[in-house]
Amino acid sequence: MSEEGYRPDPGGVRTQLGRNLTYGLLDSLGRAIVHGRFEARGFPTEGELAKQHGVSRSVTREAVKMLTAKGLLSARPRQGTIIQATTSWNLFDTDVLRWLLERKFSVELLQHFNELRIAIEPEAAALAARHAGADDMDAIQAGFDRMTAADRGEDEILEADIEFHVAILRASGNPFYRQFREVVTTALRTSIRFTNRLTGHSANIADHRAVLGAIEARDADAARGAMRKIIADVLALMARAEEEAG
């Protein structure tokens, strides 16, 4: 095709390649920051990053902007780009949470996560009991059915458990609780693996059935209490594990 006939496609291969390079660099740098690999030498300049990773400065600049938006980096006059204190990191960003969970395993971090869950998910279950529509109920039932199948060895335990909890967040009808589903999905992957390893078995089916039954019965108080019990048991299990380790 002649140069006159060429028209760049904004959704084409070059654009996609640029996105892949940016997100690939973002993932690499974000993981390195969270894992402490820059602590001794400081964060590199855009030019150094471009050379080290074999990408353009525009790619490095975009990745650095995204890391700044996640609270990992900040740019200061005459100081360049520096790594922020961990207290500034956005723990609700699923990339940041995933990198943290990939780091040296921390029971304390999982405890903090489940303390957040116990403040949110019981209320989400109560709201689901009040507001869930037919489609919402079908989704919660589907998640529970997958859990029972997984308990028989016929489905994937981790994904089934996550599907059940996320379906309840969606069924709450609260847009803020619905937004929480990505954080729950990311952190539950580690939390459930950890608790299953400690107990030697998958989630308590009877406890989850109690949540489902209360939501079906439109009993908000019972749904709240049943969900609270599930998460309280997880916190108690983690507390015992920490005591034994310490």
C-alpha atoms as a PDB file:
ATOM      1  CA  MET A   1       0.000   0.000   0.000  1.00  0.00           C
ATOM      2  CA  SER A   2       1.278   3.498  -0.834  1.00  0.00           C
ATOM      3  CA  GLU A   3       2.009   6.011   1.913  1.00  0.00           C
ATOM      4  CA  GLU A   4      -0.973   8.081   0.707  1.00  0.00           C
ATOM      5  CA  GLY A   5      -3.281   5.070   1.060  1.00  0.00           C
ATOM      6  CA  TYR A   6      -2.067   4.157   4.577  1.00  0.00           C
ATOM      7  CA  ARG A   7      -4.314   5.114   7.461  1.00  0.00           C
ATOM      8  CA  PRO A   8      -3.236   4.124  11.005  1.00  0.00           C
ATOM      9  CA  ASP A   9      -5.783   2.029  12.854  1.00  0.00           C
ATOM     10  CA  PRO A  10      -6.128   3.234  16.463  1.00  0.00           C
ATOM     11  CA  GLY A  11      -7.176  -0.246  17.530  1.00  0.00           C
ATOM     12  CA  GLY A  12      -4.575  -2.031  15.413  1.00  0.00           C
ATOM     13  CA  VAL A  13      -1.413  -4.012  16.038  1.00  0.00           C
ATOM     14  CA  ARG A  14       0.849  -1.025  16.796  1.00  0.00           C
ATOM     15  CA  THR A  15      -1.541   0.366  19.377  1.00  0.00           C
ATOM     16  CA  GLN A  16      -1.974  -3.028  21.012  1.00  0.00           C
ATOM     17  CA  LEU A  17       1.779  -3.586  21.048  1.00  0.00           C
ATOM     18  CA  GLY A  18       2.271  -0.247  22.765  1.00  0.00           C
ATOM     19  CA  ARG A  19      -0.304  -1.152  25.410  1.00  0.00           C
ATOM     20  CA  ASN A  20       1.311  -4.535  25.999  1.00  0.00           C
ATOM     21  CA  LEU A  21       4.747  -2.944  26.412  1.00  0.00           C
ATOM     22  CA  THR A  22       3.387  -0.360  28.835  1.00  0.00           C
ATOM     23  CA  TYR A  23       1.492  -2.855  30.978  1.00  0.00           C
ATOM     24  CA  GLY A  24       4.384  -5.301  30.838  1.00  0.00           C
ATOM     25  CA  LEU A  25       6.743  -2.611  32.125  1.00  0.00           C
ATOM     26  CA  LEU A  26       4.167  -1.492  34.692  1.00  0.00           C
ATOM     27  CA  ASP A  27       3.902  -5.023  36.070  1.00  0.00           C
ATOM     28  CA  SER A  28       7.678  -5.501  36.146  1.00  0.00           C
ATOM     29  CA  LEU A  29       8.400  -2.171  37.854  1.00  0.00           C
ATOM     30  CA  GLY A  30       5.467  -2.382  40.251  1.00  0.00           C
ATOM     31  CA  ARG A  31       6.501  -5.825  41.427  1.00  0.00           C
ATOM     32  CA  ALA A  32      10.118  -4.676  41.809  1.00  0.00           C
ATOM     33  CA  ILE A  33       9.057  -1.650  43.904  1.00  0.00           C
ATOM     34  CA  VAL A  34       6.778  -3.633  46.194  1.00  0.00           C
ATOM     35  CA  HIS A  35       9.347  -6.399  46.610  1.00  0.00           C
ATOM     36  CA  GLY A  36      11.983  -3.819  47.642  1.00  0.00           C
ATOM     37  CA  ARG A  37      14.415  -4.254  44.755  1.00  0.00           C
ATOM     38  CA  PHE A  38      15.100  -0.522  44.453  1.00  0.00           C
ATOM     39  CA  GLU A  39      15.680   0.144  48.151  1.00  0.00           C
ATOM     40  CA  ALA A  40      19.485   0.175  47.925  1.00  0.00           C
ATOM     41  CA  ARG A  41      19.925   2.116  44.678  1.00  0.00           C
ATOM     42  CA  GLY A  42      16.836   4.273  44.229  1.00  0.00           C
ATOM     43  CA  PHE A  43      14.397   4.373  41.348  1.00  0.00           C
ATOM     44  CA  PRO A  44      15.971   4.696  37.843  1.00  0.00           C
ATOM     45  CA  THR A  45      15.440   7.641  35.505  1.00  0.00           C
ATOM     46  CA  GLU A  46      13.195   7.337  32.432  1.00  0.00           C
ATOM     47  CA  GLY A  47      16.272   7.111  30.242  1.00  0.00           C
ATOM     48  CA  GLU A  48      17.761   4.310  32.344  1.00  0.00           C
ATOM     49  CA  LEU A  49      14.471   2.414  32.333  1.00  0.00           C
ATOM     50  CA  ALA A  50      14.118   2.739  28.565  1.00  0.00           C
ATOM     51  CA  LYS A  51      17.635   1.392  28.063  1.00  0.00           C
ATOM     52  CA  GLN A  52      17.313  -1.430  30.597  1.00  0.00           C
ATOM     53  CA  HIS A  53      13.979  -2.686  29.243  1.00  0.00           C
ATOM     54  CA  GLY A  54      14.491  -1.933  25.567  1.00  0.00           C
ATOM     55  CA  VAL A  55      11.423   0.306  25.225  1.00  0.00           C
ATOM     56  CA  SER A  56      10.799   3.910  24.213  1.00  0.00           C
ATOM     57  CA  ARG A  57      10.757   6.800  26.657  1.00  0.00           C
ATOM     58  CA  SER A  58       7.059   7.294  25.955  1.00  0.00           C
ATOM     59  CA  VAL A  59       6.397   3.753  27.204  1.00  0.00           C
ATOM     60  CA  THR A  60       8.462   4.298  30.360  1.00  0.00           C
ATOM     61  CA  ARG A  61       6.813   7.690  30.934  1.00  0.00           C
ATOM     62  CA  GLU A  62       3.325   6.160  30.739  1.00  0.00           C
ATOM     63  CA  ALA A  63       4.255   3.286  33.062  1.00  0.00           C
ATOM     64  CA  VAL A  64       5.720   5.728  35.595  1.00  0.00           C
ATOM     65  CA  LYS A  65       2.525   7.824  35.432  1.00  0.00           C
ATOM     66  CA  MET A  66       0.439   4.729  36.161  1.00  0.00           C
ATOM     67  CA  LEU A  67       2.659   3.758  39.094  1.00  0.00           C
ATOM     68  CA  THR A  68       2.353   7.308  40.417  1.00  0.00           C
ATOM     69  CA  ALA A  69      -1.438   7.065  40.215  1.00  0.00           C
ATOM     70  CA  LYS A  70      -1.242   3.855  42.264  1.00  0.00           C
ATOM     71  CA  GLY A  71       0.649   5.739  44.986  1.00  0.00           C
ATOM     72  CA  LEU A  72       3.951   3.902  44.510  1.00  0.00           C
ATOM     73  CA  LEU A  73       5.941   6.798  43.038  1.00  0.00           C
ATOM     74  CA  SER A  74       6.090  10.581  43.221  1.00  0.00           C
ATOM     75  CA  ALA A  75       8.061  13.173  41.243  1.00  0.00           C
ATOM     76  CA  ARG A  76       9.717  15.995  43.186  1.00  0.00           C
ATOM     77  CA  PRO A  77      11.738  18.966  41.923  1.00  0.00           C
ATOM     78  CA  ARG A  78      15.506  18.297  41.930  1.00  0.00           C
ATOM     79  CA  GLN A  79      14.893  14.866  43.451  1.00  0.00           C
ATOM     80  CA  GLY A  80      13.469  13.077  40.429  1.00  0.00           C
ATOM     81  CA  THR A  81      11.089  10.150  40.777  1.00  0.00           C
ATOM     82  CA  ILE A  82      11.165   8.527  44.202  1.00  0.00           C
ATOM     83  CA  ILE A  83       9.413   5.578  45.778  1.00  0.00           C
ATOM     84  CA  GLN A  84       6.648   6.505  48.185  1.00  0.00           C
ATOM     85  CA  ALA A  85       6.280   5.103  51.688  1.00  0.00           C
ATOM     86  CA  THR A  86       4.079   2.016  51.858  1.00  0.00           C
ATOM     87  CA  THR A  87       1.432   4.035  53.711  1.00  0.00           C
ATOM     88  CA  SER A  88       0.826   5.960  50.466  1.00  0.00           C
ATOM     89  CA  TRP A  89       0.248   2.869  48.329  1.00  0.00           C
ATOM     90  CA  ASN A  90      -3.316   2.333  47.105  1.00  0.00           C
ATOM     91  CA  LEU A  91      -4.237  -1.033  48.620  1.00  0.00           C
ATOM     92  CA  PHE A  92      -7.579  -0.954  46.802  1.00  0.00           C
ATOM     93  CA  ASP A  93      -5.703  -1.087  43.500  1.00  0.00           C
ATOM     94  CA  THR A  94      -5.759  -4.744  42.482  1.00  0.00           C
ATOM     95  CA  ASP A  95      -2.259  -4.589  40.951  1.00  0.00           C
ATOM     96  CA  VAL A  96      -0.759  -3.198  44.173  1.00  0.00           C
ATOM     97  CA  LEU A  97      -2.638  -5.774  46.264  1.00  0.00           C
ATOM     98  CA  ARG A  98      -1.517  -8.600  43.984  1.00  0.00           C
ATOM     99  CA  TRP A  99       2.129  -7.498  44.161  1.00  0.00           C
ATOM    100  CA  LEU A 100       1.910  -7.281  47.947  1.00  0.00           C
ATOM    101  CA  LEU A 101       0.409 -10.759  48.199  1.00  0.00           C
ATOM    102  CA  GLU A 102       3.145 -12.117  45.921  1.00  0.00           C
ATOM    103  CA  ARG A 103       5.750 -10.687  48.272  1.00  0.00           C
ATOM    104  CA  LYS A 104       6.942 -12.590  51.352  1.00  0.00           C
ATOM    105  CA  PHE A 105       3.802 -14.188  52.737  1.00  0.00           C
ATOM    106  CA  SER A 106       2.171 -12.138  55.495  1.00  0.00           C
ATOM    107  CA  VAL A 107      -0.530 -13.458  57.814  1.00  0.00           C
ATOM    108  CA  GLU A 108      -0.866  -9.894  59.128  1.00  0.00           C
ATOM    109  CA  LEU A 109      -1.802  -8.583  55.669  1.00  0.00           C
ATOM    110  CA  LEU A 110      -4.448 -11.282  55.280  1.00  0.00           C
ATOM    111  CA  GLN A 111      -5.787 -10.428  58.733  1.00  0.00           C
ATOM    112  CA  HIS A 112      -6.102  -6.776  57.732  1.00  0.00           C
ATOM    113  CA  PHE A 113      -7.932  -7.826  54.566  1.00  0.00           C
ATOM    114  CA  ASN A 114     -10.390 -10.030  56.446  1.00  0.00           C
ATOM    115  CA  GLU A 115     -10.971  -7.291  59.023  1.00  0.00           C
ATOM    116  CA  LEU A 116     -12.074  -5.149  56.084  1.00  0.00           C
ATOM    117  CA  ARG A 117     -14.240  -7.974  54.769  1.00  0.00           C
ATOM    118  CA  ILE A 118     -16.041  -8.372  58.097  1.00  0.00           C
ATOM    119  CA  ALA A 119     -16.944  -4.678  57.985  1.00  0.00           C
ATOM    120  CA  ILE A 120     -18.405  -4.958  54.462  1.00  0.00           C
ATOM    121  CA  GLU A 121     -19.573  -8.430  53.441  1.00  0.00           C
ATOM    122  CA  PRO A 122     -22.079  -9.045  56.278  1.00  0.00           C
ATOM    123  CA  GLU A 123     -23.807  -5.776  55.376  1.00  0.00           C
ATOM    124  CA  ALA A 124     -23.681  -6.727  51.689  1.00  0.00           C
ATOM    125  CA  ALA A 125     -25.407 -10.009  52.579  1.00  0.00           C
ATOM    126  CA  ALA A 126     -28.076  -8.119  54.545  1.00  0.00           C
ATOM    127  CA  LEU A 127     -28.660  -5.776  51.601  1.00  0.00           C
ATOM    128  CA  ALA A 128     -28.838  -8.758  49.235  1.00  0.00           C
ATOM    129  CA  ALA A 129     -31.563 -10.242  51.438  1.00  0.00           C
ATOM    130  CA  ARG A 130     -33.535  -7.031  51.001  1.00  0.00           C
ATOM    131  CA  HIS A 131     -32.842  -6.129  47.375  1.00  0.00           C
ATOM    132  CA  ALA A 132     -31.633  -9.141  45.357  1.00  0.00           C
ATOM    133  CA  GLY A 133     -33.588  -9.733  42.158  1.00  0.00           C
ATOM    134  CA  ALA A 134     -34.181 -13.016  40.387  1.00  0.00           C
ATOM    135  CA  ASP A 135     -30.930 -12.809  38.399  1.00  0.00           C
ATOM    136  CA  ASP A 136     -28.992 -11.984  41.558  1.00  0.00           C
ATOM    137  CA  MET A 137     -30.469 -14.979  43.351  1.00  0.00           C
ATOM    138  CA  ASP A 138     -29.606 -17.212  40.410  1.00  0.00           C
ATOM    139  CA  ALA A 139     -25.974 -15.987  40.542  1.00  0.00           C
ATOM    140  CA  ILE A 140     -25.677 -16.612  44.295  1.00  0.00           C
ATOM    141  CA  GLN A 141     -27.241 -20.061  43.878  1.00  0.00           C
ATOM    142  CA  ALA A 142     -24.855 -20.820  40.994  1.00  0.00           C
ATOM    143  CA  GLY A 143     -21.879 -19.902  43.170  1.00  0.00           C
ATOM    144  CA  PHE A 144     -23.140 -22.130  45.978  1.00  0.00           C
ATOM    145  CA  ASP A 145     -23.829 -25.004  43.555  1.00  0.00           C
ATOM    146  CA  ARG A 146     -20.243 -24.715  42.335  1.00  0.00           C
ATOM    147  CA  MET A 147     -19.026 -24.852  45.946  1.00  0.00           C
ATOM    148  CA  THR A 148     -20.954 -28.060  46.636  1.00  0.00           C
ATOM    149  CA  ALA A 149     -19.640 -29.541  43.381  1.00  0.00           C
ATOM    150  CA  ALA A 150     -16.097 -28.517  44.362  1.00  0.00           C
ATOM    151  CA  ASP A 151     -16.584 -30.170  47.755  1.00  0.00           C
ATOM    152  CA  ARG A 152     -17.249 -33.397  45.827  1.00  0.00           C
ATOM    153  CA  GLY A 153     -14.142 -32.830  43.719  1.00  0.00           C
ATOM    154  CA  GLU A 154     -16.149 -31.861  40.631  1.00  0.00           C
ATOM    155  CA  ASP A 155     -15.213 -28.162  40.383  1.00  0.00           C
ATOM    156  CA  GLU A 156     -12.438 -25.736  41.309  1.00  0.00           C
ATOM    157  CA  ILE A 157     -12.685 -24.912  45.020  1.00  0.00           C
ATOM    158  CA  LEU A 158     -11.068 -21.483  44.891  1.00  0.00           C
ATOM    159  CA  GLU A 159     -13.055 -20.093  41.962  1.00  0.00           C
ATOM    160  CA  ALA A 160     -16.348 -21.460  43.305  1.00  0.00           C
ATOM    161  CA  ASP A 161     -15.865 -19.802  46.707  1.00  0.00           C
ATOM    162  CA  ILE A 162     -14.937 -16.479  45.105  1.00  0.00           C
ATOM    163  CA  GLU A 163     -17.947 -16.632  42.766  1.00  0.00           C
ATOM    164  CA  PHE A 164     -20.295 -17.046  45.736  1.00  0.00           C
ATOM    165  CA  HIS A 165     -18.925 -14.045  47.647  1.00  0.00           C
ATOM    166  CA  VAL A 166     -18.734 -11.797  44.588  1.00  0.00           C
ATOM    167  CA  ALA A 167     -22.328 -12.658  43.627  1.00  0.00           C
ATOM    168  CA  ILE A 168     -23.482 -11.418  47.036  1.00  0.00           C
ATOM    169  CA  LEU A 169     -21.583  -8.147  46.658  1.00  0.00           C
ATOM    170  CA  ARG A 170     -23.293  -7.610  43.297  1.00  0.00           C
ATOM    171  CA  ALA A 171     -26.685  -8.571  44.737  1.00  0.00           C
ATOM    172  CA  SER A 172     -26.399  -5.914  47.446  1.00  0.00           C
ATOM    173  CA  GLY A 173     -27.475  -3.293  44.909  1.00  0.00           C
ATOM    174  CA  ASN A 174     -24.903  -0.914  46.402  1.00  0.00           C
ATOM    175  CA  PRO A 175     -22.480   0.398  43.740  1.00  0.00           C
ATOM    176  CA  PHE A 176     -19.695   0.860  46.300  1.00  0.00           C
ATOM    177  CA  TYR A 177     -19.944  -2.747  47.447  1.00  0.00           C
ATOM    178  CA  ARG A 178     -19.967  -3.861  43.825  1.00  0.00           C
ATOM    179  CA  GLN A 179     -16.712  -1.975  43.252  1.00  0.00           C
ATOM    180  CA  PHE A 180     -15.207  -3.938  46.129  1.00  0.00           C
ATOM    181  CA  ARG A 181     -15.551  -7.187  44.179  1.00  0.00           C
ATOM    182  CA  GLU A 182     -12.195  -6.798  42.401  1.00  0.00           C
ATOM    183  CA  VAL A 183     -10.343  -6.389  45.692  1.00  0.00           C
ATOM    184  CA  VAL A 184     -12.189  -9.389  47.142  1.00  0.00           C
ATOM    185  CA  THR A 185     -11.388 -11.512  44.096  1.00  0.00           C
ATOM    186  CA  THR A 186      -7.686 -10.629  44.197  1.00  0.00           C
ATOM    187  CA  ALA A 187      -7.128 -11.108  47.936  1.00  0.00           C
ATOM    188  CA  LEU A 188      -9.416 -14.115  48.385  1.00  0.00           C
ATOM    189  CA  ARG A 189      -7.204 -16.150  46.056  1.00  0.00           C
ATOM    190  CA  THR A 190      -4.445 -16.012  48.670  1.00  0.00           C
ATOM    191  CA  SER A 191      -6.681 -15.995  51.746  1.00  0.00           C
ATOM    192  CA  ILE A 192      -8.670 -19.088  50.744  1.00  0.00           C
ATOM    193  CA  ARG A 193      -5.540 -21.050  49.788  1.00  0.00           C
ATOM    194  CA  PHE A 194      -4.055 -20.203  53.182  1.00  0.00           C
ATOM    195  CA  THR A 195      -7.108 -21.170  55.253  1.00  0.00           C
ATOM    196  CA  ASN A 196      -7.694 -24.346  53.237  1.00  0.00           C
ATOM    197  CA  ARG A 197      -4.097 -25.351  53.884  1.00  0.00           C
ATOM    198  CA  LEU A 198      -4.516 -24.759  57.633  1.00  0.00           C
ATOM    199  CA  THR A 199      -7.803 -26.654  57.923  1.00  0.00           C
ATOM    200  CA  GLY A 200      -7.004 -29.358  55.397  1.00  0.00           C
ATOM    201  CA  HIS A 201     -10.369 -28.905  53.707  1.00  0.00           C
ATOM    202  CA  SER A 202     -12.333 -26.425  51.622  1.00  0.00           C
ATOM    203  CA  ALA A 203     -14.895 -23.874  52.787  1.00  0.00           C
ATOM    204  CA  ASN A 204     -17.587 -24.839  55.307  1.00  0.00           C
ATOM    205  CA  ILE A 205     -20.548 -25.674  53.075  1.00  0.00           C
ATOM    206  CA  ALA A 206     -23.083 -25.531  55.917  1.00  0.00           C
ATOM    207  CA  ASP A 207     -22.049 -21.979  56.830  1.00  0.00           C
ATOM    208  CA  HIS A 208     -22.366 -20.830  53.224  1.00  0.00           C
ATOM    209  CA  ARG A 209     -25.708 -22.592  52.907  1.00  0.00           C
ATOM    210  CA  ALA A 210     -26.881 -20.583  55.929  1.00  0.00           C
ATOM    211  CA  VAL A 211     -26.018 -17.342  54.115  1.00  0.00           C
ATOM    212  CA  LEU A 212     -27.827 -18.473  50.989  1.00  0.00           C
ATOM    213  CA  GLY A 213     -30.884 -19.602  52.930  1.00  0.00           C
ATOM    214  CA  ALA A 214     -31.131 -16.322  54.831  1.00  0.00           C
ATOM    215  CA  ILE A 215     -30.913 -14.299  51.624  1.00  0.00           C
ATOM    216  CA  GLU A 216     -33.583 -16.491  49.996  1.00  0.00           C
ATOM    217  CA  ALA A 217     -35.790 -16.011  53.070  1.00  0.00           C
ATOM    218  CA  ARG A 218     -35.256 -12.232  52.860  1.00  0.00           C
ATOM    219  CA  ASP A 219     -33.966 -12.296  56.441  1.00  0.00           C
ATOM    220  CA  ALA A 220     -31.395  -9.492  56.518  1.00  0.00           C
ATOM    221  CA  ASP A 221     -30.353 -10.042  60.154  1.00  0.00           C
ATOM    222  CA  ALA A 222     -29.790 -13.757  59.635  1.00  0.00           C
ATOM    223  CA  ALA A 223     -27.833 -13.120  56.412  1.00  0.00           C
ATOM    224  CA  ARG A 224     -25.645 -10.571  58.189  1.00  0.00           C
ATOM    225  CA  GLY A 225     -24.982 -12.948  61.083  1.00  0.00           C
ATOM    226  CA  ALA A 226     -24.254 -15.947  58.875  1.00  0.00           C
ATOM    227  CA  MET A 227     -21.747 -14.030  56.754  1.00  0.00           C
ATOM    228  CA  ARG A 228     -20.131 -12.534  59.846  1.00  0.00           C
ATOM    229  CA  LYS A 229     -19.619 -16.046  61.240  1.00  0.00           C
ATOM    230  CA  ILE A 230     -17.798 -17.184  58.074  1.00  0.00           C
ATOM    231  CA  ILE A 231     -15.312 -14.323  58.200  1.00  0.00           C
ATOM    232  CA  ALA A 232     -14.961 -14.363  62.001  1.00  0.00           C
ATOM    233  CA  ASP A 233     -13.970 -18.042  61.779  1.00  0.00           C
ATOM    234  CA  VAL A 234     -11.300 -17.120  59.204  1.00  0.00           C
ATOM    235  CA  LEU A 235      -9.923 -14.399  61.484  1.00  0.00           C
ATOM    236  CA  ALA A 236      -9.853 -16.785  64.447  1.00  0.00           C
ATOM    237  CA  LEU A 237      -7.996 -19.352  62.349  1.00  0.00           C
ATOM    238  CA  MET A 238      -5.418 -16.772  61.306  1.00  0.00           C
ATOM    239  CA  ALA A 239      -4.961 -15.580  64.886  1.00  0.00           C
ATOM    240  CA  ARG A 240      -4.220 -19.153  65.980  1.00  0.00           C
ATOM    241  CA  ALA A 241      -1.771 -19.611  63.098  1.00  0.00           C
ATOM    242  CA  GLU A 242       0.044 -16.413  64.035  1.00  0.00           C
ATOM    243  CA  GLU A 243       0.257 -17.453  67.706  1.00  0.00           C
ATOM    244  CA  GLU A 244       1.679 -20.846  66.766  1.00  0.00           C
ATOM    245  CA  ALA A 245       4.202 -19.261  64.378  1.00  0.00           C
ATOM    246  CA  GLY A 246       5.217 -16.579  66.896  1.00  0.00           C
END
